[in-house]
């Protein structure tokens, strides 16, 4: 490892302890949903069915304009966005009272647009998604075509929900998708923005005497052994007595012999993090640190160069 960076085992954790982001807890997520208004409120772009009993000339479909207003004969123009169906019917009835005795007004919604969420990032269909009712996180992701979890190279480990101007909620997708913990399947609110980081944002590197050196996508709960397996394992020229790991984010390094991993010692099968470099030395090289020392000055270039793999 680099001469000026001491070994720091505490910077590396076994694979079963691979949480890396300060995700919202199930209790915090439940608090977000508590007290939410599940009653639908009219929104710009909704198609409404206005019915005035026994007055077909005043009844029919109306499109709520971008300013939240619509115009009804006799009643005139009124602003209805943000109203429930019941309160909208009351407003229309009040406006018609000077012209009709005890008008009976009913408001229905033929097409909903108020439950809009925007899904961006690593999805097949980015953009605005519309729902008849406030969707759950999984419903929004499924609609956007962002769940290729059968592909083990997919890096659906985290998702950010932007709510309003001052709140970002990080949700642990590993626990939701891989472990089925539905407490993380939060119900979204109108105008939430859901963002999934691109898979190329999370890369690890396996270099040295392996069959397929290069950059590999960081998959959920990826361990040191997983990375070595994807790289084809040590080749015939390897000296796997000291497989080295360099973690740029913490300026830390550690090494472990291959036979310890093969003996299923969970305490040395470290969980990998974004940007980790795994190096298998070649026979005759005294220390892997010498080679990684040559790599570190160009590590940012290496990241850019291998991202296209």
C-alpha atoms as a PDB file:
ATOM      1  CA  UNK A   1       0.000   0.000   0.000  1.00  0.00           C
ATOM      2  CA  UNK A   2       1.129   3.653  -0.270  1.00  0.00           C
ATOM      3  CA  UNK A   3       3.953   4.354   2.151  1.00  0.00           C
ATOM      4  CA  UNK A   4       2.276   7.353   3.769  1.00  0.00           C
ATOM      5  CA  UNK A   5      -1.039   5.589   4.405  1.00  0.00           C
ATOM      6  CA  UNK A   6      -1.007   3.175   7.355  1.00  0.00           C
ATOM      7  CA  UNK A   7      -3.044   0.012   7.382  1.00  0.00           C
ATOM      8  CA  UNK A   8      -6.487   0.748   8.810  1.00  0.00           C
ATOM      9  CA  UNK A   9      -8.629  -2.338   9.286  1.00  0.00           C
ATOM     10  CA  UNK A  10     -11.414  -0.301  10.881  1.00  0.00           C
ATOM     11  CA  UNK A  11     -12.125   1.319   7.508  1.00  0.00           C
ATOM     12  CA  UNK A  12     -13.203  -2.055   6.123  1.00  0.00           C
ATOM     13  CA  UNK A  13     -16.196  -4.039   7.269  1.00  0.00           C
ATOM     14  CA  UNK A  14     -17.472  -7.567   6.580  1.00  0.00           C
ATOM     15  CA  UNK A  15     -19.934  -7.878   3.698  1.00  0.00           C
ATOM     16  CA  UNK A  16     -22.990  -8.199   5.889  1.00  0.00           C
ATOM     17  CA  UNK A  17     -22.324  -4.672   7.206  1.00  0.00           C
ATOM     18  CA  UNK A  18     -22.214  -2.833   3.926  1.00  0.00           C
ATOM     19  CA  UNK A  19     -24.567   0.097   4.568  1.00  0.00           C
ATOM     20  CA  UNK A  20     -22.902   3.251   3.221  1.00  0.00           C
ATOM     21  CA  UNK A  21     -25.535   5.997   3.142  1.00  0.00           C
ATOM     22  CA  UNK A  22     -27.511   7.588   5.928  1.00  0.00           C
ATOM     23  CA  UNK A  23     -30.831   6.103   4.861  1.00  0.00           C
ATOM     24  CA  UNK A  24     -34.107   7.077   6.457  1.00  0.00           C
ATOM     25  CA  UNK A  25     -35.188   4.555   9.084  1.00  0.00           C
ATOM     26  CA  UNK A  26     -38.563   2.769   8.854  1.00  0.00           C
ATOM     27  CA  UNK A  27     -39.744   4.906  11.793  1.00  0.00           C
ATOM     28  CA  UNK A  28     -38.769   8.128  10.000  1.00  0.00           C
ATOM     29  CA  UNK A  29     -40.494   6.957   6.825  1.00  0.00           C
ATOM     30  CA  UNK A  30     -43.651   6.126   8.754  1.00  0.00           C
ATOM     31  CA  UNK A  31     -43.589   9.602  10.270  1.00  0.00           C
ATOM     32  CA  UNK A  32     -43.525  11.107   6.776  1.00  0.00           C
ATOM     33  CA  UNK A  33     -46.782   9.357   5.889  1.00  0.00           C
ATOM     34  CA  UNK A  34     -48.543  10.103   9.161  1.00  0.00           C
ATOM     35  CA  UNK A  35     -51.243  12.711   8.813  1.00  0.00           C
ATOM     36  CA  UNK A  36     -51.182  12.679   5.035  1.00  0.00           C
ATOM     37  CA  UNK A  37     -54.308  13.793   3.184  1.00  0.00           C
ATOM     38  CA  UNK A  38     -55.548  10.846   1.111  1.00  0.00           C
ATOM     39  CA  UNK A  39     -58.559  12.767  -0.240  1.00  0.00           C
ATOM     40  CA  UNK A  40     -57.985  13.670  -3.864  1.00  0.00           C
ATOM     41  CA  UNK A  41     -57.862  17.374  -4.648  1.00  0.00           C
ATOM     42  CA  UNK A  42     -58.535  18.706  -8.113  1.00  0.00           C
ATOM     43  CA  UNK A  43     -55.512  19.762 -10.124  1.00  0.00           C
ATOM     44  CA  UNK A  44     -54.729  21.551 -13.366  1.00  0.00           C
ATOM     45  CA  UNK A  45     -55.353  19.287 -16.337  1.00  0.00           C
ATOM     46  CA  UNK A  46     -58.023  17.133 -14.665  1.00  0.00           C
ATOM     47  CA  UNK A  47     -61.002  16.218 -16.840  1.00  0.00           C
ATOM     48  CA  UNK A  48     -64.144  16.763 -14.761  1.00  0.00           C
ATOM     49  CA  UNK A  49     -67.675  15.493 -15.298  1.00  0.00           C
ATOM     50  CA  UNK A  50     -70.036  18.249 -14.121  1.00  0.00           C
ATOM     51  CA  UNK A  51     -73.641  17.143 -13.613  1.00  0.00           C
ATOM     52  CA  UNK A  52     -76.443  19.564 -12.718  1.00  0.00           C
ATOM     53  CA  UNK A  53     -79.577  17.556 -11.985  1.00  0.00           C
ATOM     54  CA  UNK A  54     -82.304  18.076 -14.629  1.00  0.00           C
ATOM     55  CA  UNK A  55     -80.199  20.703 -16.436  1.00  0.00           C
ATOM     56  CA  UNK A  56     -78.365  18.903 -19.275  1.00  0.00           C
ATOM     57  CA  UNK A  57     -77.440  22.244 -20.869  1.00  0.00           C
ATOM     58  CA  UNK A  58     -75.284  22.987 -17.811  1.00  0.00           C
ATOM     59  CA  UNK A  59     -73.819  19.483 -17.562  1.00  0.00           C
ATOM     60  CA  UNK A  60     -70.906  17.884 -19.375  1.00  0.00           C
ATOM     61  CA  UNK A  61     -67.158  17.368 -19.319  1.00  0.00           C
ATOM     62  CA  UNK A  62     -64.869  20.235 -18.430  1.00  0.00           C
ATOM     63  CA  UNK A  63     -61.082  20.494 -18.537  1.00  0.00           C
ATOM     64  CA  UNK A  64     -59.577  22.272 -15.558  1.00  0.00           C
ATOM     65  CA  UNK A  65     -57.248  24.782 -17.174  1.00  0.00           C
ATOM     66  CA  UNK A  66     -53.591  25.452 -16.376  1.00  0.00           C
ATOM     67  CA  UNK A  67     -54.712  28.323 -14.165  1.00  0.00           C
ATOM     68  CA  UNK A  68     -56.947  25.962 -12.166  1.00  0.00           C
ATOM     69  CA  UNK A  69     -60.146  27.579 -13.455  1.00  0.00           C
ATOM     70  CA  UNK A  70     -63.136  26.455 -15.505  1.00  0.00           C
ATOM     71  CA  UNK A  71     -66.236  28.196 -16.860  1.00  0.00           C
ATOM     72  CA  UNK A  72     -69.805  26.963 -16.415  1.00  0.00           C
ATOM     73  CA  UNK A  73     -72.813  28.633 -18.071  1.00  0.00           C
ATOM     74  CA  UNK A  74     -74.649  30.919 -15.635  1.00  0.00           C
ATOM     75  CA  UNK A  75     -72.188  30.131 -12.847  1.00  0.00           C
ATOM     76  CA  UNK A  76     -69.312  31.842 -14.644  1.00  0.00           C
ATOM     77  CA  UNK A  77     -65.585  31.241 -14.154  1.00  0.00           C
ATOM     78  CA  UNK A  78     -64.342  29.857 -10.877  1.00  0.00           C
ATOM     79  CA  UNK A  79     -61.073  28.523  -9.491  1.00  0.00           C
ATOM     80  CA  UNK A  80     -61.358  24.893  -8.387  1.00  0.00           C
ATOM     81  CA  UNK A  81     -57.817  23.551  -8.184  1.00  0.00           C
ATOM     82  CA  UNK A  82     -57.038  22.311  -4.686  1.00  0.00           C
ATOM     83  CA  UNK A  83     -60.712  21.621  -3.972  1.00  0.00           C
ATOM     84  CA  UNK A  84     -62.189  18.204  -3.266  1.00  0.00           C
ATOM     85  CA  UNK A  85     -65.026  16.916  -5.447  1.00  0.00           C
ATOM     86  CA  UNK A  86     -67.515  17.796  -2.716  1.00  0.00           C
ATOM     87  CA  UNK A  87     -66.327  21.346  -2.112  1.00  0.00           C
ATOM     88  CA  UNK A  88     -66.128  21.974  -5.867  1.00  0.00           C
ATOM     89  CA  UNK A  89     -69.763  20.864  -6.232  1.00  0.00           C
ATOM     90  CA  UNK A  90     -70.749  23.208  -3.389  1.00  0.00           C
ATOM     91  CA  UNK A  91     -69.013  26.161  -5.049  1.00  0.00           C
ATOM     92  CA  UNK A  92     -70.737  25.497  -8.371  1.00  0.00           C
ATOM     93  CA  UNK A  93     -74.093  25.088  -6.625  1.00  0.00           C
ATOM     94  CA  UNK A  94     -73.648  28.368  -4.765  1.00  0.00           C
ATOM     95  CA  UNK A  95     -72.819  30.180  -8.015  1.00  0.00           C
ATOM     96  CA  UNK A  96     -75.966  28.732  -9.670  1.00  0.00           C
ATOM     97  CA  UNK A  97     -78.340  29.513  -6.780  1.00  0.00           C
ATOM     98  CA  UNK A  98     -79.364  32.971  -8.110  1.00  0.00           C
ATOM     99  CA  UNK A  99     -80.547  31.286 -11.320  1.00  0.00           C
ATOM    100  CA  UNK A 100     -81.737  27.818 -10.232  1.00  0.00           C
ATOM    101  CA  UNK A 101     -83.712  26.939  -7.138  1.00  0.00           C
ATOM    102  CA  UNK A 102     -81.787  24.454  -4.975  1.00  0.00           C
ATOM    103  CA  UNK A 103     -79.461  23.168  -7.710  1.00  0.00           C
ATOM    104  CA  UNK A 104     -78.171  19.618  -7.230  1.00  0.00           C
ATOM    105  CA  UNK A 105     -74.588  19.527  -8.496  1.00  0.00           C
ATOM    106  CA  UNK A 106     -72.258  16.523  -8.733  1.00  0.00           C
ATOM    107  CA  UNK A 107     -68.576  16.600  -9.713  1.00  0.00           C
ATOM    108  CA  UNK A 108     -66.709  13.519 -10.894  1.00  0.00           C
ATOM    109  CA  UNK A 109     -63.164  13.077 -12.201  1.00  0.00           C
ATOM    110  CA  UNK A 110     -62.817  11.309 -15.561  1.00  0.00           C
ATOM    111  CA  UNK A 111     -59.055  11.730 -15.821  1.00  0.00           C
ATOM    112  CA  UNK A 112     -56.693  12.449 -12.941  1.00  0.00           C
ATOM    113  CA  UNK A 113     -53.502  14.470 -13.299  1.00  0.00           C
ATOM    114  CA  UNK A 114     -53.028  15.707  -9.734  1.00  0.00           C
ATOM    115  CA  UNK A 115     -51.060  12.690  -8.499  1.00  0.00           C
ATOM    116  CA  UNK A 116     -47.987  13.517 -10.547  1.00  0.00           C
ATOM    117  CA  UNK A 117     -44.502  12.374  -9.646  1.00  0.00           C
ATOM    118  CA  UNK A 118     -41.334  12.782 -11.689  1.00  0.00           C
ATOM    119  CA  UNK A 119     -38.929   9.841 -12.001  1.00  0.00           C
ATOM    120  CA  UNK A 120     -35.396  10.542 -13.233  1.00  0.00           C
ATOM    121  CA  UNK A 121     -32.042   8.811 -13.347  1.00  0.00           C
ATOM    122  CA  UNK A 122     -31.480   5.186 -14.218  1.00  0.00           C
ATOM    123  CA  UNK A 123     -34.923   4.443 -15.662  1.00  0.00           C
ATOM    124  CA  UNK A 124     -36.185   3.368 -19.056  1.00  0.00           C
ATOM    125  CA  UNK A 125     -38.963   5.980 -19.201  1.00  0.00           C
ATOM    126  CA  UNK A 126     -37.861   9.123 -17.345  1.00  0.00           C
ATOM    127  CA  UNK A 127     -40.325  11.928 -16.905  1.00  0.00           C
ATOM    128  CA  UNK A 128     -43.659  12.716 -15.299  1.00  0.00           C
ATOM    129  CA  UNK A 129     -45.851   9.796 -14.206  1.00  0.00           C
ATOM    130  CA  UNK A 130     -49.555  10.276 -13.456  1.00  0.00           C
ATOM    131  CA  UNK A 131     -51.655   8.131 -11.136  1.00  0.00           C
ATOM    132  CA  UNK A 132     -55.282   7.911 -10.068  1.00  0.00           C
ATOM    133  CA  UNK A 133     -54.185   7.878  -6.425  1.00  0.00           C
ATOM    134  CA  UNK A 134     -50.944   8.715  -4.593  1.00  0.00           C
ATOM    135  CA  UNK A 135     -48.543   5.947  -5.695  1.00  0.00           C
ATOM    136  CA  UNK A 136     -46.086   3.988  -3.636  1.00  0.00           C
ATOM    137  CA  UNK A 137     -42.386   4.151  -4.431  1.00  0.00           C
ATOM    138  CA  UNK A 138     -42.477   0.733  -6.107  1.00  0.00           C
ATOM    139  CA  UNK A 139     -45.479   1.696  -8.227  1.00  0.00           C
ATOM    140  CA  UNK A 140     -43.642   4.775  -9.507  1.00  0.00           C
ATOM    141  CA  UNK A 141     -40.455   2.821 -10.223  1.00  0.00           C
ATOM    142  CA  UNK A 142     -42.363   0.041 -11.994  1.00  0.00           C
ATOM    143  CA  UNK A 143     -44.238   2.552 -14.157  1.00  0.00           C
ATOM    144  CA  UNK A 144     -40.917   4.160 -15.123  1.00  0.00           C
ATOM    145  CA  UNK A 145     -39.428   0.793 -16.052  1.00  0.00           C
ATOM    146  CA  UNK A 146     -36.588   0.931 -13.574  1.00  0.00           C
ATOM    147  CA  UNK A 147     -36.580  -2.509 -11.969  1.00  0.00           C
ATOM    148  CA  UNK A 148     -34.198  -4.793 -13.928  1.00  0.00           C
ATOM    149  CA  UNK A 149     -33.258  -6.553 -10.696  1.00  0.00           C
ATOM    150  CA  UNK A 150     -32.896  -9.900 -12.466  1.00  0.00           C
ATOM    151  CA  UNK A 151     -29.733  -8.448 -14.007  1.00  0.00           C
ATOM    152  CA  UNK A 152     -27.141  -8.958 -11.292  1.00  0.00           C
ATOM    153  CA  UNK A 153     -25.123  -6.095 -12.736  1.00  0.00           C
ATOM    154  CA  UNK A 154     -27.923  -3.673 -11.871  1.00  0.00           C
ATOM    155  CA  UNK A 155     -27.050  -1.299  -9.071  1.00  0.00           C
ATOM    156  CA  UNK A 156     -30.443  -0.525  -7.603  1.00  0.00           C
ATOM    157  CA  UNK A 157     -29.152   0.083  -4.106  1.00  0.00           C
ATOM    158  CA  UNK A 158     -30.538   3.518  -3.324  1.00  0.00           C
ATOM    159  CA  UNK A 159     -33.084   6.060  -4.408  1.00  0.00           C
ATOM    160  CA  UNK A 160     -33.558   9.699  -3.454  1.00  0.00           C
ATOM    161  CA  UNK A 161     -36.989  11.278  -3.070  1.00  0.00           C
ATOM    162  CA  UNK A 162     -36.973  15.074  -3.329  1.00  0.00           C
ATOM    163  CA  UNK A 163     -40.001  16.490  -1.513  1.00  0.00           C
ATOM    164  CA  UNK A 164     -40.557  20.197  -1.842  1.00  0.00           C
ATOM    165  CA  UNK A 165     -37.592  22.544  -1.731  1.00  0.00           C
ATOM    166  CA  UNK A 166     -36.014  21.479   1.524  1.00  0.00           C
ATOM    167  CA  UNK A 167     -36.234  17.721   1.960  1.00  0.00           C
ATOM    168  CA  UNK A 168     -34.307  14.786   0.470  1.00  0.00           C
ATOM    169  CA  UNK A 169     -35.251  11.277   1.589  1.00  0.00           C
ATOM    170  CA  UNK A 170     -32.772   8.463   0.883  1.00  0.00           C
ATOM    171  CA  UNK A 171     -34.459   5.059   0.704  1.00  0.00           C
ATOM    172  CA  UNK A 172     -32.495   1.810   0.947  1.00  0.00           C
ATOM    173  CA  UNK A 173     -33.583  -0.186  -2.113  1.00  0.00           C
ATOM    174  CA  UNK A 174     -31.521  -3.196  -1.066  1.00  0.00           C
ATOM    175  CA  UNK A 175     -33.759  -3.731   1.933  1.00  0.00           C
ATOM    176  CA  UNK A 176     -36.910  -3.066  -0.085  1.00  0.00           C
ATOM    177  CA  UNK A 177     -36.125  -5.150  -3.180  1.00  0.00           C
ATOM    178  CA  UNK A 178     -33.756  -7.833  -1.921  1.00  0.00           C
ATOM    179  CA  UNK A 179     -35.182  -8.383   1.537  1.00  0.00           C
ATOM    180  CA  UNK A 180     -38.820  -7.440   1.005  1.00  0.00           C
ATOM    181  CA  UNK A 181     -38.976  -4.938   3.866  1.00  0.00           C
ATOM    182  CA  UNK A 182     -42.133  -3.089   2.812  1.00  0.00           C
ATOM    183  CA  UNK A 183     -41.679  -0.373   5.426  1.00  0.00           C
ATOM    184  CA  UNK A 184     -39.366   1.235   2.849  1.00  0.00           C
ATOM    185  CA  UNK A 185     -42.103   1.264   0.187  1.00  0.00           C
ATOM    186  CA  UNK A 186     -43.232   4.772   1.107  1.00  0.00           C
ATOM    187  CA  UNK A 187     -46.279   6.443  -0.402  1.00  0.00           C
ATOM    188  CA  UNK A 188     -45.283   9.356  -2.572  1.00  0.00           C
ATOM    189  CA  UNK A 189     -46.933  12.755  -2.557  1.00  0.00           C
ATOM    190  CA  UNK A 190     -47.926  14.919  -5.536  1.00  0.00           C
ATOM    191  CA  UNK A 191     -44.942  16.590  -7.206  1.00  0.00           C
ATOM    192  CA  UNK A 192     -42.348  14.359  -5.533  1.00  0.00           C
ATOM    193  CA  UNK A 193     -39.194  13.833  -7.602  1.00  0.00           C
ATOM    194  CA  UNK A 194     -37.693  10.337  -7.513  1.00  0.00           C
ATOM    195  CA  UNK A 195     -34.073   9.928  -8.606  1.00  0.00           C
ATOM    196  CA  UNK A 196     -32.084   6.714  -9.068  1.00  0.00           C
ATOM    197  CA  UNK A 197     -28.333   7.254  -9.492  1.00  0.00           C
ATOM    198  CA  UNK A 198     -26.876   5.790 -12.666  1.00  0.00           C
ATOM    199  CA  UNK A 199     -25.206   2.402 -12.331  1.00  0.00           C
ATOM    200  CA  UNK A 200     -21.937   3.865 -13.604  1.00  0.00           C
ATOM    201  CA  UNK A 201     -21.881   6.094 -10.538  1.00  0.00           C
ATOM    202  CA  UNK A 202     -20.838   3.051  -8.506  1.00  0.00           C
ATOM    203  CA  UNK A 203     -17.724   1.286  -9.779  1.00  0.00           C
ATOM    204  CA  UNK A 204     -15.020  -0.849  -8.206  1.00  0.00           C
ATOM    205  CA  UNK A 205     -11.774  -1.901  -9.860  1.00  0.00           C
ATOM    206  CA  UNK A 206     -10.052  -5.283  -9.895  1.00  0.00           C
ATOM    207  CA  UNK A 207      -6.475  -5.070 -11.186  1.00  0.00           C
ATOM    208  CA  UNK A 208      -3.301  -7.070 -11.309  1.00  0.00           C
ATOM    209  CA  UNK A 209      -2.912 -10.791 -11.891  1.00  0.00           C
ATOM    210  CA  UNK A 210      -6.552 -11.694 -12.584  1.00  0.00           C
ATOM    211  CA  UNK A 211      -8.131 -13.114 -15.724  1.00  0.00           C
ATOM    212  CA  UNK A 212     -10.329 -10.082 -16.491  1.00  0.00           C
ATOM    213  CA  UNK A 213      -8.942  -6.899 -14.906  1.00  0.00           C
ATOM    214  CA  UNK A 214     -11.092  -3.782 -15.219  1.00  0.00           C
ATOM    215  CA  UNK A 215     -13.987  -1.811 -13.781  1.00  0.00           C
ATOM    216  CA  UNK A 216     -17.035  -3.573 -12.378  1.00  0.00           C
ATOM    217  CA  UNK A 217     -20.361  -2.180 -11.297  1.00  0.00           C
ATOM    218  CA  UNK A 218     -20.903  -2.231  -7.566  1.00  0.00           C
ATOM    219  CA  UNK A 219     -23.823  -4.574  -6.994  1.00  0.00           C
ATOM    220  CA  UNK A 220     -25.926  -4.862  -3.804  1.00  0.00           C
ATOM    221  CA  UNK A 221     -23.919  -6.289  -0.872  1.00  0.00           C
ATOM    222  CA  UNK A 222     -20.896  -6.855  -3.126  1.00  0.00           C
ATOM    223  CA  UNK A 223     -17.996  -8.415  -1.252  1.00  0.00           C
ATOM    224  CA  UNK A 224     -14.284  -8.793  -1.966  1.00  0.00           C
ATOM    225  CA  UNK A 225     -14.866 -12.399  -3.041  1.00  0.00           C
ATOM    226  CA  UNK A 226     -17.680 -11.322  -5.380  1.00  0.00           C
ATOM    227  CA  UNK A 227     -15.375  -8.838  -7.119  1.00  0.00           C
ATOM    228  CA  UNK A 228     -12.604 -11.400  -7.533  1.00  0.00           C
ATOM    229  CA  UNK A 229     -15.095 -13.876  -8.981  1.00  0.00           C
ATOM    230  CA  UNK A 230     -16.370 -11.363 -11.545  1.00  0.00           C
ATOM    231  CA  UNK A 231     -12.773 -10.695 -12.585  1.00  0.00           C
ATOM    232  CA  UNK A 232     -12.242 -14.406 -13.175  1.00  0.00           C
ATOM    233  CA  UNK A 233     -10.109 -14.944 -10.085  1.00  0.00           C
ATOM    234  CA  UNK A 234      -6.300 -14.942  -9.830  1.00  0.00           C
ATOM    235  CA  UNK A 235      -4.483 -16.191 -12.927  1.00  0.00           C
ATOM    236  CA  UNK A 236      -1.508 -18.549 -13.113  1.00  0.00           C
ATOM    237  CA  UNK A 237       0.959 -15.712 -12.550  1.00  0.00           C
ATOM    238  CA  UNK A 238      -0.684 -14.488  -9.359  1.00  0.00           C
ATOM    239  CA  UNK A 239       0.773 -14.455  -5.911  1.00  0.00           C
ATOM    240  CA  UNK A 240      -2.447 -14.331  -3.910  1.00  0.00           C
ATOM    241  CA  UNK A 241      -0.825 -14.355  -0.472  1.00  0.00           C
ATOM    242  CA  UNK A 242      -1.678 -10.668  -0.052  1.00  0.00           C
ATOM    243  CA  UNK A 243      -4.688  -9.456  -1.997  1.00  0.00           C
ATOM    244  CA  UNK A 244      -4.723  -5.705  -1.463  1.00  0.00           C
ATOM    245  CA  UNK A 245      -7.688  -3.321  -1.174  1.00  0.00           C
ATOM    246  CA  UNK A 246      -7.274   0.426  -1.465  1.00  0.00           C
ATOM    247  CA  UNK A 247     -10.205   2.663  -0.422  1.00  0.00           C
ATOM    248  CA  UNK A 248      -9.676   6.207  -1.791  1.00  0.00           C
ATOM    249  CA  UNK A 249     -12.714   7.639   0.012  1.00  0.00           C
ATOM    250  CA  UNK A 250     -11.082   6.961   3.394  1.00  0.00           C
ATOM    251  CA  UNK A 251      -7.414   6.924   2.371  1.00  0.00           C
ATOM    252  CA  UNK A 252      -7.173   3.417   3.802  1.00  0.00           C
ATOM    253  CA  UNK A 253      -5.763   0.089   2.712  1.00  0.00           C
ATOM    254  CA  UNK A 254      -5.892  -3.500   3.845  1.00  0.00           C
ATOM    255  CA  UNK A 255      -4.699  -6.881   2.607  1.00  0.00           C
ATOM    256  CA  UNK A 256      -5.814 -10.450   3.077  1.00  0.00           C
ATOM    257  CA  UNK A 257      -4.564 -13.813   1.770  1.00  0.00           C
ATOM    258  CA  UNK A 258      -6.760 -15.687  -0.697  1.00  0.00           C
ATOM    259  CA  UNK A 259      -6.792 -18.889   1.364  1.00  0.00           C
ATOM    260  CA  UNK A 260      -8.501 -17.000   4.197  1.00  0.00           C
ATOM    261  CA  UNK A 261     -11.300 -16.001   1.834  1.00  0.00           C
ATOM    262  CA  UNK A 262     -11.598 -19.548   0.533  1.00  0.00           C
ATOM    263  CA  UNK A 263     -11.962 -20.742   4.121  1.00  0.00           C
ATOM    264  CA  UNK A 264     -15.070 -18.532   4.314  1.00  0.00           C
ATOM    265  CA  UNK A 265     -13.751 -16.221   6.965  1.00  0.00           C
ATOM    266  CA  UNK A 266     -16.549 -13.666   6.945  1.00  0.00           C
ATOM    267  CA  UNK A 267     -14.527 -11.128   8.895  1.00  0.00           C
ATOM    268  CA  UNK A 268     -12.060 -10.628   5.998  1.00  0.00           C
ATOM    269  CA  UNK A 269     -14.555 -10.868   3.118  1.00  0.00           C
ATOM    270  CA  UNK A 270     -14.951  -7.101   3.223  1.00  0.00           C
ATOM    271  CA  UNK A 271     -17.917  -5.267   1.733  1.00  0.00           C
ATOM    272  CA  UNK A 272     -16.764  -3.097  -1.144  1.00  0.00           C
ATOM    273  CA  UNK A 273     -17.612   0.554  -1.586  1.00  0.00           C
ATOM    274  CA  UNK A 274     -17.667   2.851  -4.579  1.00  0.00           C
ATOM    275  CA  UNK A 275     -14.191   3.484  -5.966  1.00  0.00           C
ATOM    276  CA  UNK A 276     -12.448   0.598  -4.165  1.00  0.00           C
ATOM    277  CA  UNK A 277      -9.393  -0.857  -5.921  1.00  0.00           C
ATOM    278  CA  UNK A 278      -8.673  -4.571  -5.490  1.00  0.00           C
ATOM    279  CA  UNK A 279      -5.167  -5.630  -6.555  1.00  0.00           C
ATOM    280  CA  UNK A 280      -3.835  -9.162  -6.898  1.00  0.00           C
ATOM    281  CA  UNK A 281      -0.003  -9.076  -7.053  1.00  0.00           C
ATOM    282  CA  UNK A 282       1.992 -11.021  -9.578  1.00  0.00           C
ATOM    283  CA  UNK A 283       4.542 -13.636  -8.565  1.00  0.00           C
ATOM    284  CA  UNK A 284       7.880 -11.982  -7.928  1.00  0.00           C
ATOM    285  CA  UNK A 285       6.421  -8.623  -6.882  1.00  0.00           C
ATOM    286  CA  UNK A 286       7.378  -8.152  -3.274  1.00  0.00           C
ATOM    287  CA  UNK A 287       4.515  -5.831  -2.352  1.00  0.00           C
ATOM    288  CA  UNK A 288       1.278  -4.883  -4.027  1.00  0.00           C
ATOM    289  CA  UNK A 289       1.789  -1.424  -2.571  1.00  0.00           C
ATOM    290  CA  UNK A 290       4.441  -0.623  -5.117  1.00  0.00           C
ATOM    291  CA  UNK A 291       2.074  -1.101  -8.043  1.00  0.00           C
ATOM    292  CA  UNK A 292      -0.885   0.688  -6.436  1.00  0.00           C
ATOM    293  CA  UNK A 293       1.459   3.576  -5.611  1.00  0.00           C
ATOM    294  CA  UNK A 294       1.923   3.972  -9.346  1.00  0.00           C
ATOM    295  CA  UNK A 295      -1.826   3.860  -9.911  1.00  0.00           C
ATOM    296  CA  UNK A 296      -2.970   6.372  -7.304  1.00  0.00           C
ATOM    297  CA  UNK A 297      -1.793   9.566  -9.088  1.00  0.00           C
ATOM    298  CA  UNK A 298      -3.854   8.585 -12.109  1.00  0.00           C
ATOM    299  CA  UNK A 299      -6.791   7.073 -10.293  1.00  0.00           C
ATOM    300  CA  UNK A 300      -9.207   9.779 -11.444  1.00  0.00           C
ATOM    301  CA  UNK A 301      -8.104   9.193 -15.043  1.00  0.00           C
ATOM    302  CA  UNK A 302      -8.522   5.469 -14.500  1.00  0.00           C
ATOM    303  CA  UNK A 303     -12.075   6.064 -13.302  1.00  0.00           C
ATOM    304  CA  UNK A 304     -12.947   8.046 -16.415  1.00  0.00           C
ATOM    305  CA  UNK A 305     -11.238   5.648 -18.736  1.00  0.00           C
ATOM    306  CA  UNK A 306     -12.887   2.511 -17.413  1.00  0.00           C
ATOM    307  CA  UNK A 307     -16.380   3.936 -16.991  1.00  0.00           C
ATOM    308  CA  UNK A 308     -17.126   3.143 -20.623  1.00  0.00           C
ATOM    309  CA  UNK A 309     -16.517  -0.593 -20.127  1.00  0.00           C
END
